[in-house]
Amino acid sequence: MLRRGYTYDNGAADQGLLFLAYMRDPTLFTRVRERLTTRDDLHPYAEHRASALAYVPPTSAPGEYVGKRFLDS
């Protein structure tokens, strides 16, 4: 898992941390998130607002369009 957090500050009412994680198996993130919820001492002070999962296809070969290996099979 490659992960990175980005802080943002758009004024007193809009501050926080945007967390991004890149991985092959999305269930890994679910397991990590569940462990953080039950074992992290800072969890009571954090507020989770949203979550999303996006699939990023591998880079295409020269002459191919993105997703060709999945759509043309």
PDB file of N, CA and C in Angstrom:
ATOM      1  N   MET A   1       0.852  -1.161   0.000  1.00  0.00           N
ATOM      2  CA  MET A   1       0.000   0.000   0.000  1.00  0.00           C
ATOM      3  C   MET A   1       0.903   1.231   0.000  1.00  0.00           C
ATOM      4  N   LEU A   2       0.637   2.125  -0.918  1.00  0.00           N
ATOM      5  CA  LEU A   2       1.262   3.444  -0.910  1.00  0.00           C
ATOM      6  C   LEU A   2       0.227   4.410  -0.377  1.00  0.00           C
ATOM      7  N   ARG A   3       0.583   5.196   0.620  1.00  0.00           N
ATOM      8  CA  ARG A   3      -0.399   6.099   1.213  1.00  0.00           C
ATOM      9  C   ARG A   3       0.201   7.475   1.429  1.00  0.00           C
ATOM     10  N   ARG A   4      -0.665   8.464   1.449  1.00  0.00           N
ATOM     11  CA  ARG A   4      -0.216   9.841   1.609  1.00  0.00           C
ATOM     12  C   ARG A   4      -1.361  10.665   2.186  1.00  0.00           C
ATOM     13  N   GLY A   5      -1.041  11.526   3.102  1.00  0.00           N
ATOM     14  CA  GLY A   5      -2.027  12.434   3.664  1.00  0.00           C
ATOM     15  C   GLY A   5      -1.724  13.859   3.231  1.00  0.00           C
ATOM     16  N   TYR A   6      -2.755  14.614   2.922  1.00  0.00           N
ATOM     17  CA  TYR A   6      -2.621  16.020   2.532  1.00  0.00           C
ATOM     18  C   TYR A   6      -3.502  16.851   3.454  1.00  0.00           C
ATOM     19  N   THR A   7      -2.909  17.814   4.143  1.00  0.00           N
ATOM     20  CA  THR A   7      -3.704  18.704   4.974  1.00  0.00           C
ATOM     21  C   THR A   7      -4.239  19.837   4.119  1.00  0.00           C
ATOM     22  N   TYR A   8      -5.394  20.345   4.502  1.00  0.00           N
ATOM     23  CA  TYR A   8      -5.953  21.505   3.804  1.00  0.00           C
ATOM     24  C   TYR A   8      -6.549  22.457   4.826  1.00  0.00           C
ATOM     25  N   ASP A   9      -6.570  23.737   4.466  1.00  0.00           N
ATOM     26  CA  ASP A   9      -7.078  24.779   5.350  1.00  0.00           C
ATOM     27  C   ASP A   9      -7.736  25.855   4.492  1.00  0.00           C
ATOM     28  N   ASN A  10      -9.062  25.819   4.458  1.00  0.00           N
ATOM     29  CA  ASN A  10      -9.837  26.810   3.713  1.00  0.00           C
ATOM     30  C   ASN A  10     -10.612  27.717   4.667  1.00  0.00           C
ATOM     31  N   GLY A  11     -10.017  28.040   5.788  1.00  0.00           N
ATOM     32  CA  GLY A  11     -10.693  28.851   6.793  1.00  0.00           C
ATOM     33  C   GLY A  11     -11.031  28.013   8.013  1.00  0.00           C
ATOM     34  N   ALA A  12     -11.465  28.677   9.053  1.00  0.00           N
ATOM     35  CA  ALA A  12     -11.705  28.003  10.332  1.00  0.00           C
ATOM     36  C   ALA A  12     -12.746  26.883  10.249  1.00  0.00           C
ATOM     37  N   ALA A  13     -13.722  27.010   9.377  1.00  0.00           N
ATOM     38  CA  ALA A  13     -14.786  26.006   9.291  1.00  0.00           C
ATOM     39  C   ALA A  13     -14.467  24.870   8.322  1.00  0.00           C
ATOM     40  N   ASP A  14     -13.362  24.957   7.606  1.00  0.00           N
ATOM     41  CA  ASP A  14     -13.046  23.945   6.587  1.00  0.00           C
ATOM     42  C   ASP A  14     -11.560  23.598   6.645  1.00  0.00           C
ATOM     43  N   GLN A  15     -11.201  22.732   7.576  1.00  0.00           N
ATOM     44  CA  GLN A  15      -9.832  22.273   7.742  1.00  0.00           C
ATOM     45  C   GLN A  15      -9.849  20.766   7.887  1.00  0.00           C
ATOM     46  N   GLY A  16      -8.782  20.115   7.442  1.00  0.00           N
ATOM     47  CA  GLY A  16      -8.765  18.675   7.620  1.00  0.00           C
ATOM     48  C   GLY A  16      -7.603  17.993   6.947  1.00  0.00           C
ATOM     49  N   LEU A  17      -7.745  16.695   6.799  1.00  0.00           N
ATOM     50  CA  LEU A  17      -6.735  15.840   6.204  1.00  0.00           C
ATOM     51  C   LEU A  17      -7.392  14.991   5.128  1.00  0.00           C
ATOM     52  N   LEU A  18      -6.837  15.042   3.945  1.00  0.00           N
ATOM     53  CA  LEU A  18      -7.272  14.189   2.848  1.00  0.00           C
ATOM     54  C   LEU A  18      -6.280  13.039   2.781  1.00  0.00           C
ATOM     55  N   PHE A  19      -6.771  11.826   2.915  1.00  0.00           N
ATOM     56  CA  PHE A  19      -5.916  10.642   2.937  1.00  0.00           C
ATOM     57  C   PHE A  19      -6.114   9.865   1.647  1.00  0.00           C
ATOM     58  N   LEU A  20      -5.021   9.583   0.948  1.00  0.00           N
ATOM     59  CA  LEU A  20      -5.062   8.785  -0.281  1.00  0.00           C
ATOM     60  C   LEU A  20      -4.244   7.521  -0.085  1.00  0.00           C
ATOM     61  N   ALA A  21      -4.737   6.416  -0.617  1.00  0.00           N
ATOM     62  CA  ALA A  21      -4.006   5.155  -0.553  1.00  0.00           C
ATOM     63  C   ALA A  21      -4.131   4.450  -1.901  1.00  0.00           C
ATOM     64  N   TYR A  22      -3.025   3.954  -2.383  1.00  0.00           N
ATOM     65  CA  TYR A  22      -2.992   3.212  -3.643  1.00  0.00           C
ATOM     66  C   TYR A  22      -2.616   1.772  -3.323  1.00  0.00           C
ATOM     67  N   MET A  23      -3.432   0.815  -3.790  1.00  0.00           N
ATOM     68  CA  MET A  23      -3.170  -0.585  -3.490  1.00  0.00           C
ATOM     69  C   MET A  23      -3.810  -1.489  -4.535  1.00  0.00           C
ATOM     70  N   ARG A  24      -3.336  -2.694  -4.589  1.00  0.00           N
ATOM     71  CA  ARG A  24      -3.900  -3.670  -5.519  1.00  0.00           C
ATOM     72  C   ARG A  24      -5.181  -4.294  -4.991  1.00  0.00           C
ATOM     73  N   ASP A  25      -5.286  -4.441  -3.689  1.00  0.00           N
ATOM     74  CA  ASP A  25      -6.426  -5.124  -3.074  1.00  0.00           C
ATOM     75  C   ASP A  25      -7.187  -4.144  -2.177  1.00  0.00           C
ATOM     76  N   PRO A  26      -8.339  -3.626  -2.601  1.00  0.00           N
ATOM     77  CA  PRO A  26      -9.084  -2.660  -1.796  1.00  0.00           C
ATOM     78  C   PRO A  26      -9.528  -3.198  -0.436  1.00  0.00           C
ATOM     79  N   THR A  27      -9.634  -4.512  -0.283  1.00  0.00           N
ATOM     80  CA  THR A  27     -10.035  -5.041   1.018  1.00  0.00           C
ATOM     81  C   THR A  27      -8.955  -4.788   2.066  1.00  0.00           C
ATOM     82  N   LEU A  28      -7.707  -4.581   1.635  1.00  0.00           N
ATOM     83  CA  LEU A  28      -6.640  -4.244   2.567  1.00  0.00           C
ATOM     84  C   LEU A  28      -6.960  -2.933   3.277  1.00  0.00           C
ATOM     85  N   PHE A  29      -7.437  -1.941   2.536  1.00  0.00           N
ATOM     86  CA  PHE A  29      -7.787  -0.664   3.155  1.00  0.00           C
ATOM     87  C   PHE A  29      -8.914  -0.838   4.166  1.00  0.00           C
ATOM     88  N   THR A  30      -9.877  -1.674   3.853  1.00  0.00           N
ATOM     89  CA  THR A  30     -10.983  -1.933   4.774  1.00  0.00           C
ATOM     90  C   THR A  30     -10.463  -2.531   6.078  1.00  0.00           C
ATOM     91  N   ARG A  31      -9.551  -3.478   5.972  1.00  0.00           N
ATOM     92  CA  ARG A  31      -8.987  -4.099   7.176  1.00  0.00           C
ATOM     93  C   ARG A  31      -8.188  -3.088   7.997  1.00  0.00           C
ATOM     94  N   VAL A  32      -7.387  -2.260   7.328  1.00  0.00           N
ATOM     95  CA  VAL A  32      -6.602  -1.238   8.032  1.00  0.00           C
ATOM     96  C   VAL A  32      -7.536  -0.249   8.716  1.00  0.00           C
ATOM     97  N   ARG A  33      -8.568   0.186   8.023  1.00  0.00           N
ATOM     98  CA  ARG A  33      -9.517   1.158   8.591  1.00  0.00           C
ATOM     99  C   ARG A  33     -10.228   0.578   9.817  1.00  0.00           C
ATOM    100  N   GLU A  34     -10.604  -0.682   9.760  1.00  0.00           N
ATOM    101  CA  GLU A  34     -11.251  -1.318  10.904  1.00  0.00           C
ATOM    102  C   GLU A  34     -10.310  -1.400  12.105  1.00  0.00           C
ATOM    103  N   ARG A  35      -9.036  -1.710  11.853  1.00  0.00           N
ATOM    104  CA  ARG A  35      -8.064  -1.754  12.951  1.00  0.00           C
ATOM    105  C   ARG A  35      -7.867  -0.373  13.561  1.00  0.00           C
ATOM    106  N   LEU A  36      -7.794   0.658  12.723  1.00  0.00           N
ATOM    107  CA  LEU A  36      -7.640   2.016  13.246  1.00  0.00           C
ATOM    108  C   LEU A  36      -8.841   2.419  14.089  1.00  0.00           C
ATOM    109  N   THR A  37     -10.014   2.012  13.670  1.00  0.00           N
ATOM    110  CA  THR A  37     -11.232   2.353  14.403  1.00  0.00           C
ATOM    111  C   THR A  37     -11.236   1.734  15.789  1.00  0.00           C
ATOM    112  N   THR A  38     -10.710   0.532  15.930  1.00  0.00           N
ATOM    113  CA  THR A  38     -10.778  -0.163  17.217  1.00  0.00           C
ATOM    114  C   THR A  38      -9.545   0.042  18.094  1.00  0.00           C
ATOM    115  N   ARG A  39      -8.384   0.359  17.510  1.00  0.00           N
ATOM    116  CA  ARG A  39      -7.145   0.395  18.294  1.00  0.00           C
ATOM    117  C   ARG A  39      -6.471   1.764  18.378  1.00  0.00           C
ATOM    118  N   ASP A  40      -6.838   2.716  17.567  1.00  0.00           N
ATOM    119  CA  ASP A  40      -6.161   4.010  17.530  1.00  0.00           C
ATOM    120  C   ASP A  40      -6.706   4.933  18.618  1.00  0.00           C
ATOM    121  N   ASP A  41      -5.826   5.432  19.476  1.00  0.00           N
ATOM    122  CA  ASP A  41      -6.255   6.311  20.574  1.00  0.00           C
ATOM    123  C   ASP A  41      -6.755   7.667  20.083  1.00  0.00           C
ATOM    124  N   LEU A  42      -6.389   8.072  18.878  1.00  0.00           N
ATOM    125  CA  LEU A  42      -6.850   9.354  18.350  1.00  0.00           C
ATOM    126  C   LEU A  42      -8.211   9.254  17.660  1.00  0.00           C
ATOM    127  N   HIS A  43      -8.700   8.054  17.477  1.00  0.00           N
ATOM    128  CA  HIS A  43      -9.968   7.864  16.770  1.00  0.00           C
ATOM    129  C   HIS A  43     -11.139   8.656  17.361  1.00  0.00           C
ATOM    130  N   PRO A  44     -11.283   8.750  18.666  1.00  0.00           N
ATOM    131  CA  PRO A  44     -12.409   9.524  19.208  1.00  0.00           C
ATOM    132  C   PRO A  44     -12.369  11.012  18.829  1.00  0.00           C
ATOM    133  N   TYR A  45     -11.219  11.502  18.432  1.00  0.00           N
ATOM    134  CA  TYR A  45     -11.085  12.920  18.093  1.00  0.00           C
ATOM    135  C   TYR A  45     -11.154  13.180  16.593  1.00  0.00           C
ATOM    136  N   ALA A  46     -11.302  12.135  15.810  1.00  0.00           N
ATOM    137  CA  ALA A  46     -11.359  12.270  14.346  1.00  0.00           C
ATOM    138  C   ALA A  46     -12.796  12.131  13.871  1.00  0.00           C
ATOM    139  N   GLU A  47     -13.098  12.802  12.780  1.00  0.00           N
ATOM    140  CA  GLU A  47     -14.431  12.722  12.177  1.00  0.00           C
ATOM    141  C   GLU A  47     -14.277  12.288  10.724  1.00  0.00           C
ATOM    142  N   HIS A  48     -14.838  11.154  10.399  1.00  0.00           N
ATOM    143  CA  HIS A  48     -14.780  10.618   9.043  1.00  0.00           C
ATOM    144  C   HIS A  48     -15.978  11.153   8.282  1.00  0.00           C
ATOM    145  N   ARG A  49     -15.724  11.830   7.152  1.00  0.00           N
ATOM    146  CA  ARG A  49     -16.827  12.453   6.412  1.00  0.00           C
ATOM    147  C   ARG A  49     -17.228  11.706   5.148  1.00  0.00           C
ATOM    148  N   ALA A  50     -16.278  11.117   4.471  1.00  0.00           N
ATOM    149  CA  ALA A  50     -16.618  10.471   3.200  1.00  0.00           C
ATOM    150  C   ALA A  50     -15.544   9.455   2.839  1.00  0.00           C
ATOM    151  N   SER A  51     -15.880   8.600   1.897  1.00  0.00           N
ATOM    152  CA  SER A  51     -14.952   7.602   1.407  1.00  0.00           C
ATOM    153  C   SER A  51     -15.302   7.284  -0.038  1.00  0.00           C
ATOM    154  N   ALA A  52     -14.309   6.903  -0.805  1.00  0.00           N
ATOM    155  CA  ALA A  52     -14.542   6.532  -2.209  1.00  0.00           C
ATOM    156  C   ALA A  52     -13.494   5.519  -2.633  1.00  0.00           C
ATOM    157  N   LEU A  53     -13.842   4.749  -3.620  1.00  0.00           N
ATOM    158  CA  LEU A  53     -12.928   3.780  -4.201  1.00  0.00           C
ATOM    159  C   LEU A  53     -12.930   3.999  -5.706  1.00  0.00           C
ATOM    160  N   ALA A  54     -11.750   4.114  -6.284  1.00  0.00           N
ATOM    161  CA  ALA A  54     -11.638   4.314  -7.729  1.00  0.00           C
ATOM    162  C   ALA A  54     -10.657   3.294  -8.293  1.00  0.00           C
ATOM    163  N   TYR A  55     -10.983   2.756  -9.439  1.00  0.00           N
ATOM    164  CA  TYR A  55     -10.104   1.822 -10.112  1.00  0.00           C
ATOM    165  C   TYR A  55      -9.260   2.593 -11.123  1.00  0.00           C
ATOM    166  N   VAL A  56      -7.961   2.426 -11.057  1.00  0.00           N
ATOM    167  CA  VAL A  56      -7.051   3.071 -11.998  1.00  0.00           C
ATOM    168  C   VAL A  56      -6.424   1.958 -12.839  1.00  0.00           C
ATOM    169  N   PRO A  57      -6.763   1.885 -14.129  1.00  0.00           N
ATOM    170  CA  PRO A  57      -6.227   0.811 -14.964  1.00  0.00           C
ATOM    171  C   PRO A  57      -4.732   1.000 -15.207  1.00  0.00           C
ATOM    172  N   PRO A  58      -4.043  -0.086 -15.543  1.00  0.00           N
ATOM    173  CA  PRO A  58      -2.611   0.024 -15.816  1.00  0.00           C
ATOM    174  C   PRO A  58      -2.353   0.869 -17.067  1.00  0.00           C
ATOM    175  N   THR A  59      -1.148   1.332 -17.182  1.00  0.00           N
ATOM    176  CA  THR A  59      -0.751   2.131 -18.336  1.00  0.00           C
ATOM    177  C   THR A  59      -0.927   1.322 -19.612  1.00  0.00           C
ATOM    178  N   SER A  60      -1.379   1.967 -20.658  1.00  0.00           N
ATOM    179  CA  SER A  60      -1.572   1.273 -21.927  1.00  0.00           C
ATOM    180  C   SER A  60      -0.252   1.201 -22.695  1.00  0.00           C
ATOM    181  N   ALA A  61      -0.135   0.187 -23.526  1.00  0.00           N
ATOM    182  CA  ALA A  61       1.038   0.026 -24.379  1.00  0.00           C
ATOM    183  C   ALA A  61       0.938   0.996 -25.557  1.00  0.00           C
ATOM    184  N   PRO A  62       2.041   1.273 -26.220  1.00  0.00           N
ATOM    185  CA  PRO A  62       1.984   2.151 -27.394  1.00  0.00           C
ATOM    186  C   PRO A  62       0.967   1.635 -28.414  1.00  0.00           C
ATOM    187  N   GLY A  63       0.096   2.497 -28.876  1.00  0.00           N
ATOM    188  CA  GLY A  63      -0.925   2.127 -29.847  1.00  0.00           C
ATOM    189  C   GLY A  63      -2.222   1.633 -29.224  1.00  0.00           C
ATOM    190  N   GLU A  64      -2.268   1.443 -27.913  1.00  0.00           N
ATOM    191  CA  GLU A  64      -3.476   1.005 -27.218  1.00  0.00           C
ATOM    192  C   GLU A  64      -4.147   2.192 -26.555  1.00  0.00           C
ATOM    193  N   TYR A  65      -5.440   2.074 -26.313  1.00  0.00           N
ATOM    194  CA  TYR A  65      -6.136   3.082 -25.520  1.00  0.00           C
ATOM    195  C   TYR A  65      -6.243   2.566 -24.091  1.00  0.00           C
ATOM    196  N   VAL A  66      -6.453   3.465 -23.157  1.00  0.00           N
ATOM    197  CA  VAL A  66      -6.532   3.075 -21.742  1.00  0.00           C
ATOM    198  C   VAL A  66      -7.722   2.143 -21.551  1.00  0.00           C
ATOM    199  N   GLY A  67      -7.470   0.990 -20.939  1.00  0.00           N
ATOM    200  CA  GLY A  67      -8.518   0.020 -20.675  1.00  0.00           C
ATOM    201  C   GLY A  67      -8.717  -1.012 -21.780  1.00  0.00           C
ATOM    202  N   LYS A  68      -7.932  -0.955 -22.835  1.00  0.00           N
ATOM    203  CA  LYS A  68      -8.098  -1.876 -23.967  1.00  0.00           C
ATOM    204  C   LYS A  68      -8.031  -3.337 -23.521  1.00  0.00           C
ATOM    205  N   ARG A  69      -7.115  -3.654 -22.634  1.00  0.00           N
ATOM    206  CA  ARG A  69      -6.949  -5.045 -22.202  1.00  0.00           C
ATOM    207  C   ARG A  69      -8.188  -5.572 -21.495  1.00  0.00           C
ATOM    208  N   PHE A  70      -8.986  -4.674 -20.889  1.00  0.00           N
ATOM    209  CA  PHE A  70     -10.179  -5.099 -20.178  1.00  0.00           C
ATOM    210  C   PHE A  70     -11.407  -5.077 -21.071  1.00  0.00           C
ATOM    211  N   LEU A  71     -11.500  -4.102 -21.942  1.00  0.00           N
ATOM    212  CA  LEU A  71     -12.701  -3.935 -22.755  1.00  0.00           C
ATOM    213  C   LEU A  71     -12.735  -4.822 -23.984  1.00  0.00           C
ATOM    214  N   ASP A  72     -11.581  -5.203 -24.492  1.00  0.00           N
ATOM    215  CA  ASP A  72     -11.519  -6.006 -25.713  1.00  0.00           C
ATOM    216  C   ASP A  72     -11.356  -7.501 -25.448  1.00  0.00           C
ATOM    217  N   SER A  73     -11.516  -7.947 -24.223  1.00  0.00           N
ATOM    218  CA  SER A  73     -11.307  -9.373 -23.953  1.00  0.00           C
ATOM    219  C   SER A  73     -12.589 -10.153 -24.030  1.00  0.00           C
TER     220      SER A  73
END
